[in-house]
Each structure stands twice: as C-alpha cells, then as structure tokens.
Amino acid sequence: MKILRALPALMLGVALSFSAFAAIDTYQFKSPQQEQDYREITAQLRCPKCQNTNIAASDSIIAADMRTKVFQLLEQGQNKQQIVAYMVARYGNFVTYEPPVTPSTFILWLGPVLVVIIGAVMIFMPSRRGEVRLKNMTEEMSEQERQRLAQLLKDSDRTGS
C-alpha cells in the first residue's frame, strides 16, 4: 500500500532526472589531445539560440547538434581553424565571440566611436562660437560704447554689492 502511494512521486522523480542527463555528451576520443581540442572549440563557439552561452555549456538542441558536428569533424582529422570556419560558414560570424571586421560589420565596430566624436564636436563647437561672437562684438564697439559699457558694469557692481 505504501509503495502505491510513493509510486507517483517516484515516477515524477525519474521523469525529471532524464532532463538532467540530456546535456551530457559521451564521445570516445582517439587521444587526450583530440579531447582537449574538442573542449577548446566547444568553449569558443557561441550557441545561436542561447546567444551568450558557449555550445559546451548550452543544453539547447542546436548546441548539441553543433557539439556532435565538432566531434565528427575532429574524427575526420580537421583542425580547430577548419572546424571554426565550417561553423562560421554554416551559422555566420555570430557563432564566434570575436567576429572579424568585414565591410558588413564595419559600422558596428566604428559606430560607437563615431557617436562619441560627433557628440564631443556638438558639445564643444557651440561654446567656441559664443566666444568668437563675444570677441567680435567687443572689437566692433566704438570708444563711446566701450565707455558706456564700463560705466554700466561699474554701476551694477555698486548696486549689487
């Protein structure tokens, strides 16, 4: 009787445990170097679904497929560069954490720098124009206007203090 009561909980535990083992890959490597290469490659490739997780740590289906393909390519004797090139050709530059500078990504690399430069120019140019305008105005004033301005400034100092 107690077993029948515990059976649903036992079945639920078994069902949930299968998902815990879903991301474990078991490959038979030919050498420790091949296993090391596999670990390095899967750590440097980004999962297209998870975006900021490498395929070694991701449990998505596409990451599992990518890990299997990496193993197959290593078994065929391809090196790291060839495998990464294969993955880039298949999934795009997004699968690498450091995409190359190409004409299509050029604006993404230089965009932030351009925004900062344009912002700095917009901030500092108006203040320079204001200084130039004030300087030009004082140069264009006649001697009488300068005396009048000096008198007004002197009067404002007396009343303001």
N, C-alpha and C. Protein backbone atom coordinates (compact mmCIF):
# COMPACT_ATOMS: atom_id res chain seq x y z
N MET A 1 0.82 -1.19 0.00
CA MET A 1 0.00 0.00 0.00
C MET A 1 0.87 1.26 0.00
N LYS A 2 1.91 1.28 0.83
CA LYS A 2 2.80 2.44 0.89
C LYS A 2 3.53 2.61 -0.45
N ILE A 3 3.81 1.51 -1.11
CA ILE A 3 4.50 1.57 -2.40
C ILE A 3 3.62 2.24 -3.44
N LEU A 4 2.35 1.96 -3.43
CA LEU A 4 1.43 2.56 -4.39
C LEU A 4 1.32 4.07 -4.18
N ARG A 5 1.39 4.50 -2.94
CA ARG A 5 1.34 5.93 -2.65
C ARG A 5 2.62 6.63 -3.10
N ALA A 6 3.74 5.96 -2.98
CA ALA A 6 5.02 6.55 -3.35
C ALA A 6 5.30 6.45 -4.85
N LEU A 7 4.56 5.65 -5.58
CA LEU A 7 4.79 5.42 -6.99
C LEU A 7 4.70 6.70 -7.83
N PRO A 8 3.68 7.54 -7.66
CA PRO A 8 3.64 8.78 -8.46
C PRO A 8 4.85 9.69 -8.21
N ALA A 9 5.26 9.80 -6.96
CA ALA A 9 6.43 10.63 -6.66
C ALA A 9 7.69 10.04 -7.27
N LEU A 10 7.80 8.72 -7.23
CA LEU A 10 8.95 8.03 -7.82
C LEU A 10 8.97 8.23 -9.33
N MET A 11 7.83 8.12 -9.98
CA MET A 11 7.74 8.32 -11.43
C MET A 11 8.08 9.76 -11.81
N LEU A 12 7.63 10.71 -11.03
CA LEU A 12 7.95 12.12 -11.28
C LEU A 12 9.44 12.36 -11.13
N GLY A 13 10.05 11.78 -10.13
CA GLY A 13 11.50 11.91 -9.93
C GLY A 13 12.29 11.33 -11.08
N VAL A 14 11.87 10.18 -11.57
CA VAL A 14 12.55 9.55 -12.71
C VAL A 14 12.39 10.42 -13.96
N ALA A 15 11.19 10.93 -14.19
CA ALA A 15 10.95 11.77 -15.37
C ALA A 15 11.79 13.04 -15.34
N LEU A 16 11.91 13.65 -14.18
CA LEU A 16 12.70 14.87 -14.06
C LEU A 16 14.19 14.60 -14.17
N SER A 17 14.61 13.42 -13.77
CA SER A 17 16.04 13.12 -13.82
C SER A 17 16.53 12.94 -15.25
N PHE A 18 15.65 12.57 -16.17
CA PHE A 18 16.08 12.41 -17.56
C PHE A 18 16.53 13.73 -18.15
N SER A 19 15.89 14.83 -17.78
CA SER A 19 16.29 16.13 -18.31
C SER A 19 17.66 16.54 -17.78
N ALA A 20 18.04 16.07 -16.61
CA ALA A 20 19.35 16.40 -16.06
C ALA A 20 20.46 15.73 -16.85
N PHE A 21 20.17 14.59 -17.45
CA PHE A 21 21.19 13.87 -18.21
C PHE A 21 21.15 14.21 -19.70
N ALA A 22 20.26 15.07 -20.11
CA ALA A 22 20.08 15.35 -21.54
C ALA A 22 21.29 16.04 -22.15
N ALA A 23 22.02 16.87 -21.42
CA ALA A 23 23.11 17.65 -21.99
C ALA A 23 24.47 16.96 -21.88
N ILE A 24 24.50 15.75 -21.37
CA ILE A 24 25.78 15.06 -21.20
C ILE A 24 26.12 14.34 -22.50
N ASP A 25 27.26 14.70 -23.07
CA ASP A 25 27.73 14.05 -24.29
C ASP A 25 28.79 13.02 -23.91
N THR A 26 28.71 11.86 -24.50
CA THR A 26 29.72 10.84 -24.25
C THR A 26 30.34 10.47 -25.59
N TYR A 27 31.54 10.96 -25.80
CA TYR A 27 32.28 10.67 -27.03
C TYR A 27 33.55 9.91 -26.67
N GLN A 28 33.94 9.02 -27.52
CA GLN A 28 35.18 8.28 -27.34
C GLN A 28 36.24 8.94 -28.21
N PHE A 29 37.17 9.64 -27.58
CA PHE A 29 38.21 10.35 -28.30
C PHE A 29 39.39 9.42 -28.57
N LYS A 30 40.08 9.68 -29.66
CA LYS A 30 41.23 8.86 -30.05
C LYS A 30 42.46 9.17 -29.19
N SER A 31 42.52 10.43 -28.71
CA SER A 31 43.68 10.83 -27.92
C SER A 31 43.27 11.94 -26.95
N PRO A 32 44.08 12.16 -25.92
CA PRO A 32 43.81 13.27 -25.00
C PRO A 32 43.88 14.63 -25.72
N GLN A 33 44.74 14.74 -26.73
CA GLN A 33 44.85 16.00 -27.49
C GLN A 33 43.55 16.27 -28.25
N GLN A 34 42.96 15.23 -28.83
CA GLN A 34 41.70 15.41 -29.54
C GLN A 34 40.59 15.85 -28.58
N GLU A 35 40.58 15.29 -27.39
CA GLU A 35 39.59 15.69 -26.38
C GLU A 35 39.82 17.14 -25.96
N GLN A 36 41.09 17.52 -25.80
CA GLN A 36 41.41 18.91 -25.44
C GLN A 36 40.96 19.87 -26.54
N ASP A 37 41.21 19.50 -27.79
CA ASP A 37 40.77 20.33 -28.92
C ASP A 37 39.25 20.46 -28.93
N TYR A 38 38.56 19.37 -28.67
CA TYR A 38 37.09 19.39 -28.62
C TYR A 38 36.60 20.37 -27.55
N ARG A 39 37.20 20.30 -26.38
CA ARG A 39 36.79 21.19 -25.28
C ARG A 39 37.07 22.65 -25.62
N GLU A 40 38.21 22.93 -26.22
CA GLU A 40 38.55 24.31 -26.60
C GLU A 40 37.60 24.85 -27.66
N ILE A 41 37.32 24.04 -28.67
CA ILE A 41 36.44 24.50 -29.76
C ILE A 41 35.03 24.73 -29.25
N THR A 42 34.50 23.80 -28.47
CA THR A 42 33.13 23.98 -27.97
C THR A 42 33.03 25.14 -26.98
N ALA A 43 34.14 25.49 -26.34
CA ALA A 43 34.12 26.63 -25.42
C ALA A 43 34.19 27.96 -26.16
N GLN A 44 34.73 27.96 -27.37
CA GLN A 44 34.89 29.23 -28.10
C GLN A 44 33.77 29.49 -29.10
N LEU A 45 32.87 28.53 -29.30
CA LEU A 45 31.74 28.73 -30.20
C LEU A 45 30.50 29.11 -29.41
N ARG A 46 29.80 30.11 -29.89
CA ARG A 46 28.60 30.62 -29.22
C ARG A 46 27.36 29.87 -29.72
N CYS A 47 26.46 29.59 -28.82
CA CYS A 47 25.20 28.94 -29.18
C CYS A 47 24.29 29.94 -29.89
N PRO A 48 23.79 29.62 -31.08
CA PRO A 48 22.91 30.56 -31.79
C PRO A 48 21.59 30.81 -31.06
N LYS A 49 21.14 29.87 -30.28
CA LYS A 49 19.87 30.05 -29.55
C LYS A 49 20.07 30.80 -28.25
N CYS A 50 21.08 30.38 -27.48
CA CYS A 50 21.31 30.97 -26.15
C CYS A 50 22.04 32.31 -26.24
N GLN A 51 22.71 32.59 -27.31
CA GLN A 51 23.42 33.81 -27.63
C GLN A 51 24.66 34.07 -26.80
N ASN A 52 24.60 34.12 -25.51
CA ASN A 52 25.80 34.41 -24.73
C ASN A 52 26.31 33.22 -23.95
N THR A 53 25.96 32.04 -24.41
CA THR A 53 26.44 30.81 -23.80
C THR A 53 27.20 30.03 -24.86
N ASN A 54 28.32 29.46 -24.49
CA ASN A 54 29.04 28.66 -25.48
C ASN A 54 28.33 27.32 -25.65
N ILE A 55 28.67 26.61 -26.73
CA ILE A 55 27.96 25.36 -27.01
C ILE A 55 28.33 24.26 -26.02
N ALA A 56 29.43 24.40 -25.33
CA ALA A 56 29.81 23.41 -24.32
C ALA A 56 28.87 23.47 -23.12
N ALA A 57 28.41 24.64 -22.77
CA ALA A 57 27.57 24.81 -21.58
C ALA A 57 26.08 24.84 -21.89
N SER A 58 25.72 24.98 -23.16
CA SER A 58 24.32 25.10 -23.53
C SER A 58 23.65 23.73 -23.60
N ASP A 59 22.39 23.68 -23.19
CA ASP A 59 21.65 22.43 -23.31
C ASP A 59 20.59 22.49 -24.40
N SER A 60 20.69 23.48 -25.31
CA SER A 60 19.74 23.57 -26.41
C SER A 60 20.03 22.49 -27.44
N ILE A 61 19.04 22.19 -28.23
CA ILE A 61 19.18 21.13 -29.23
C ILE A 61 20.21 21.51 -30.28
N ILE A 62 20.20 22.77 -30.70
CA ILE A 62 21.16 23.18 -31.73
C ILE A 62 22.60 23.11 -31.21
N ALA A 63 22.81 23.41 -29.94
CA ALA A 63 24.15 23.31 -29.36
C ALA A 63 24.60 21.85 -29.32
N ALA A 64 23.67 20.94 -29.01
CA ALA A 64 24.00 19.51 -29.01
C ALA A 64 24.38 19.06 -30.42
N ASP A 65 23.64 19.55 -31.43
CA ASP A 65 23.98 19.22 -32.81
C ASP A 65 25.35 19.77 -33.20
N MET A 66 25.64 20.98 -32.74
CA MET A 66 26.94 21.59 -33.04
C MET A 66 28.07 20.81 -32.37
N ARG A 67 27.87 20.38 -31.13
CA ARG A 67 28.90 19.59 -30.44
C ARG A 67 29.15 18.28 -31.18
N THR A 68 28.07 17.64 -31.64
CA THR A 68 28.21 16.40 -32.40
C THR A 68 28.99 16.64 -33.69
N LYS A 69 28.69 17.74 -34.36
CA LYS A 69 29.39 18.05 -35.61
C LYS A 69 30.87 18.34 -35.34
N VAL A 70 31.17 19.04 -34.25
CA VAL A 70 32.57 19.30 -33.89
C VAL A 70 33.30 17.97 -33.68
N PHE A 71 32.66 17.05 -32.97
CA PHE A 71 33.27 15.73 -32.75
C PHE A 71 33.50 15.00 -34.07
N GLN A 72 32.49 15.03 -34.94
CA GLN A 72 32.62 14.35 -36.24
C GLN A 72 33.76 14.95 -37.07
N LEU A 73 33.86 16.27 -37.09
CA LEU A 73 34.92 16.93 -37.86
C LEU A 73 36.29 16.62 -37.28
N LEU A 74 36.37 16.54 -35.95
CA LEU A 74 37.65 16.14 -35.33
C LEU A 74 38.01 14.70 -35.71
N GLU A 75 37.01 13.84 -35.74
CA GLU A 75 37.23 12.45 -36.13
C GLU A 75 37.72 12.36 -37.58
N GLN A 76 37.28 13.29 -38.42
CA GLN A 76 37.70 13.31 -39.82
C GLN A 76 39.11 13.89 -39.99
N GLY A 77 39.66 14.42 -38.90
CA GLY A 77 41.03 14.92 -38.95
C GLY A 77 41.15 16.41 -39.20
N GLN A 78 40.06 17.16 -39.12
CA GLN A 78 40.13 18.60 -39.33
C GLN A 78 40.70 19.28 -38.09
N ASN A 79 41.39 20.41 -38.32
CA ASN A 79 41.96 21.15 -37.19
C ASN A 79 40.98 22.21 -36.68
N LYS A 80 41.37 22.93 -35.64
CA LYS A 80 40.50 23.92 -35.00
C LYS A 80 40.03 24.98 -35.98
N GLN A 81 40.96 25.53 -36.77
CA GLN A 81 40.61 26.60 -37.70
C GLN A 81 39.61 26.13 -38.74
N GLN A 82 39.78 24.92 -39.23
CA GLN A 82 38.85 24.38 -40.22
C GLN A 82 37.46 24.17 -39.63
N ILE A 83 37.41 23.72 -38.40
CA ILE A 83 36.12 23.48 -37.75
C ILE A 83 35.41 24.79 -37.48
N VAL A 84 36.15 25.79 -36.98
CA VAL A 84 35.54 27.10 -36.74
C VAL A 84 35.08 27.71 -38.06
N ALA A 85 35.87 27.56 -39.11
CA ALA A 85 35.48 28.08 -40.43
C ALA A 85 34.21 27.39 -40.93
N TYR A 86 34.09 26.09 -40.69
CA TYR A 86 32.88 25.36 -41.07
C TYR A 86 31.67 25.92 -40.33
N MET A 87 31.81 26.12 -39.03
CA MET A 87 30.69 26.63 -38.22
C MET A 87 30.31 28.05 -38.63
N VAL A 88 31.30 28.88 -38.94
CA VAL A 88 31.02 30.25 -39.39
C VAL A 88 30.30 30.22 -40.73
N ALA A 89 30.75 29.34 -41.63
CA ALA A 89 30.09 29.23 -42.93
C ALA A 89 28.64 28.77 -42.78
N ARG A 90 28.40 27.92 -41.81
CA ARG A 90 27.05 27.39 -41.63
C ARG A 90 26.14 28.32 -40.83
N TYR A 91 26.68 28.93 -39.75
CA TYR A 91 25.84 29.72 -38.84
C TYR A 91 26.12 31.22 -38.88
N GLY A 92 27.17 31.63 -39.56
CA GLY A 92 27.52 33.05 -39.63
C GLY A 92 28.54 33.43 -38.57
N ASN A 93 29.03 34.66 -38.67
CA ASN A 93 30.06 35.15 -37.75
C ASN A 93 29.58 35.23 -36.31
N PHE A 94 28.28 35.16 -36.11
CA PHE A 94 27.72 35.27 -34.77
C PHE A 94 28.20 34.16 -33.85
N VAL A 95 28.53 32.99 -34.40
CA VAL A 95 28.92 31.86 -33.54
C VAL A 95 30.29 32.05 -32.91
N THR A 96 31.05 33.04 -33.35
CA THR A 96 32.33 33.32 -32.71
C THR A 96 32.14 34.50 -31.77
N TYR A 97 32.86 34.48 -30.68
CA TYR A 97 32.74 35.57 -29.72
C TYR A 97 33.47 36.82 -30.19
N GLU A 98 34.39 36.69 -31.14
CA GLU A 98 35.11 37.83 -31.69
C GLU A 98 34.95 37.84 -33.19
N PRO A 99 33.81 38.36 -33.70
CA PRO A 99 33.60 38.37 -35.14
C PRO A 99 34.61 39.28 -35.83
N PRO A 100 35.02 38.93 -37.05
CA PRO A 100 36.03 39.73 -37.75
C PRO A 100 35.46 41.04 -38.25
N VAL A 101 36.35 41.98 -38.55
CA VAL A 101 35.93 43.24 -39.14
C VAL A 101 35.80 43.02 -40.64
N THR A 102 34.59 43.13 -41.14
CA THR A 102 34.30 42.98 -42.56
C THR A 102 33.52 44.20 -43.00
N PRO A 103 33.36 44.41 -44.31
CA PRO A 103 32.55 45.57 -44.74
C PRO A 103 31.15 45.58 -44.13
N SER A 104 30.57 44.40 -43.92
CA SER A 104 29.21 44.37 -43.35
C SER A 104 29.20 44.67 -41.85
N THR A 105 30.30 44.46 -41.15
CA THR A 105 30.35 44.73 -39.71
C THR A 105 31.16 45.98 -39.38
N PHE A 106 31.65 46.65 -40.39
CA PHE A 106 32.50 47.83 -40.18
C PHE A 106 31.80 48.91 -39.37
N ILE A 107 30.55 49.20 -39.69
CA ILE A 107 29.81 50.24 -38.97
C ILE A 107 29.58 49.83 -37.51
N LEU A 108 29.44 48.54 -37.25
CA LEU A 108 29.25 48.09 -35.87
C LEU A 108 30.50 48.31 -35.03
N TRP A 109 31.66 48.17 -35.66
CA TRP A 109 32.91 48.37 -34.94
C TRP A 109 33.20 49.85 -34.75
N LEU A 110 32.90 50.68 -35.75
CA LEU A 110 33.23 52.10 -35.67
C LEU A 110 32.07 52.97 -35.20
N GLY A 111 30.87 52.44 -35.18
CA GLY A 111 29.69 53.21 -34.79
C GLY A 111 29.82 53.90 -33.44
N PRO A 112 30.17 53.18 -32.38
CA PRO A 112 30.27 53.83 -31.08
C PRO A 112 31.33 54.94 -31.04
N VAL A 113 32.45 54.74 -31.73
CA VAL A 113 33.50 55.76 -31.77
C VAL A 113 32.99 57.01 -32.49
N LEU A 114 32.28 56.81 -33.59
CA LEU A 114 31.74 57.95 -34.34
C LEU A 114 30.71 58.73 -33.51
N VAL A 115 29.89 58.04 -32.77
CA VAL A 115 28.89 58.70 -31.93
C VAL A 115 29.57 59.57 -30.88
N VAL A 116 30.62 59.07 -30.27
CA VAL A 116 31.35 59.84 -29.24
C VAL A 116 32.00 61.07 -29.87
N ILE A 117 32.62 60.90 -31.03
CA ILE A 117 33.28 62.04 -31.69
C ILE A 117 32.26 63.09 -32.09
N ILE A 118 31.15 62.69 -32.69
CA ILE A 118 30.12 63.64 -33.11
C ILE A 118 29.54 64.35 -31.88
N GLY A 119 29.31 63.61 -30.79
CA GLY A 119 28.80 64.23 -29.58
C GLY A 119 29.76 65.26 -29.00
N ALA A 120 31.06 64.94 -29.01
CA ALA A 120 32.06 65.89 -28.49
C ALA A 120 32.11 67.14 -29.35
N VAL A 121 32.03 66.97 -30.65
CA VAL A 121 32.04 68.14 -31.55
C VAL A 121 30.82 69.00 -31.29
N MET A 122 29.66 68.38 -31.10
CA MET A 122 28.44 69.16 -30.87
C MET A 122 28.48 69.88 -29.53
N ILE A 123 29.15 69.32 -28.55
CA ILE A 123 29.22 69.96 -27.24
C ILE A 123 30.19 71.14 -27.25
N PHE A 124 31.36 70.96 -27.86
CA PHE A 124 32.39 71.99 -27.78
C PHE A 124 32.29 73.07 -28.85
N MET A 125 31.70 72.80 -29.97
CA MET A 125 31.62 73.81 -31.04
C MET A 125 30.74 75.00 -30.66
N PRO A 126 29.56 74.81 -30.09
CA PRO A 126 28.75 75.99 -29.74
C PRO A 126 29.46 76.93 -28.76
N SER A 127 30.19 76.40 -27.80
CA SER A 127 30.86 77.26 -26.84
C SER A 127 31.97 78.06 -27.52
N ARG A 128 32.65 77.50 -28.49
CA ARG A 128 33.69 78.23 -29.21
C ARG A 128 33.06 79.34 -30.05
N ARG A 129 31.91 79.05 -30.66
CA ARG A 129 31.23 80.07 -31.46
C ARG A 129 30.82 81.25 -30.58
N GLY A 130 30.34 80.95 -29.38
CA GLY A 130 29.93 82.01 -28.47
C GLY A 130 31.10 82.91 -28.08
N GLU A 131 32.26 82.32 -27.85
CA GLU A 131 33.45 83.10 -27.52
C GLU A 131 33.86 83.98 -28.69
N VAL A 132 33.79 83.46 -29.88
CA VAL A 132 34.16 84.23 -31.07
C VAL A 132 33.19 85.37 -31.27
N ARG A 133 31.88 85.13 -31.10
CA ARG A 133 30.88 86.18 -31.26
C ARG A 133 31.11 87.30 -30.26
N LEU A 134 31.37 86.97 -28.99
CA LEU A 134 31.60 87.98 -27.97
C LEU A 134 32.84 88.80 -28.29
N LYS A 135 33.89 88.13 -28.74
CA LYS A 135 35.12 88.83 -29.08
C LYS A 135 34.88 89.79 -30.25
N ASN A 136 34.15 89.32 -31.27
CA ASN A 136 33.85 90.17 -32.42
C ASN A 136 32.99 91.37 -32.02
N MET A 137 32.06 91.14 -31.11
CA MET A 137 31.19 92.24 -30.68
C MET A 137 31.99 93.32 -29.96
N THR A 138 32.92 92.91 -29.11
CA THR A 138 33.69 93.91 -28.37
C THR A 138 34.66 94.64 -29.29
N GLU A 139 35.14 93.99 -30.34
CA GLU A 139 36.04 94.66 -31.27
C GLU A 139 35.29 95.68 -32.13
N GLU A 140 34.01 95.41 -32.40
CA GLU A 140 33.22 96.29 -33.26
C GLU A 140 32.65 97.50 -32.50
N MET A 141 32.77 97.50 -31.19
CA MET A 141 32.22 98.62 -30.43
C MET A 141 33.10 99.86 -30.57
N SER A 142 32.43 100.99 -30.60
CA SER A 142 33.18 102.26 -30.67
C SER A 142 33.71 102.60 -29.28
N GLU A 143 34.56 103.59 -29.24
CA GLU A 143 35.14 104.01 -27.96
C GLU A 143 34.04 104.51 -27.02
N GLN A 144 33.07 105.19 -27.55
CA GLN A 144 31.97 105.71 -26.74
C GLN A 144 31.15 104.55 -26.15
N GLU A 145 30.91 103.51 -26.94
CA GLU A 145 30.15 102.36 -26.47
C GLU A 145 30.92 101.61 -25.38
N ARG A 146 32.24 101.54 -25.54
CA ARG A 146 33.06 100.86 -24.53
C ARG A 146 33.00 101.62 -23.20
N GLN A 147 33.06 102.94 -23.27
CA GLN A 147 32.99 103.74 -22.04
C GLN A 147 31.63 103.56 -21.38
N ARG A 148 30.58 103.53 -22.20
CA ARG A 148 29.22 103.36 -21.68
C ARG A 148 29.10 101.98 -21.00
N LEU A 149 29.66 100.92 -21.64
CA LEU A 149 29.63 99.57 -21.08
C LEU A 149 30.39 99.53 -19.76
N ALA A 150 31.55 100.13 -19.71
CA ALA A 150 32.34 100.16 -18.49
C ALA A 150 31.57 100.86 -17.37
N GLN A 151 30.91 101.96 -17.70
CA GLN A 151 30.12 102.70 -16.71
C GLN A 151 28.97 101.83 -16.19
N LEU A 152 28.28 101.12 -17.08
CA LEU A 152 27.17 100.26 -16.67
C LEU A 152 27.66 99.13 -15.75
N LEU A 153 28.80 98.55 -16.11
CA LEU A 153 29.36 97.48 -15.27
C LEU A 153 29.76 98.01 -13.89
N LYS A 154 30.31 99.23 -13.87
CA LYS A 154 30.72 99.83 -12.59
C LYS A 154 29.49 100.12 -11.74
N ASP A 155 28.42 100.62 -12.37
CA ASP A 155 27.18 100.92 -11.64
C ASP A 155 26.55 99.63 -11.10
N SER A 156 26.60 98.56 -11.89
CA SER A 156 25.99 97.32 -11.43
C SER A 156 26.79 96.70 -10.28
N ASP A 157 28.12 96.92 -10.26
CA ASP A 157 28.93 96.44 -9.16
C ASP A 157 28.58 97.16 -7.87
N ARG A 158 28.31 98.45 -7.95
CA ARG A 158 27.97 99.23 -6.76
C ARG A 158 26.62 98.83 -6.19
N THR A 159 25.66 98.66 -7.10
CA THR A 159 24.31 98.33 -6.61
C THR A 159 24.19 96.86 -6.19
N GLY A 160 24.99 96.01 -6.82
CA GLY A 160 24.92 94.57 -6.50
C GLY A 160 25.62 94.22 -5.21
N SER A 161 26.58 95.05 -4.73
CA SER A 161 27.33 94.69 -3.55
C SER A 161 26.72 95.17 -2.29
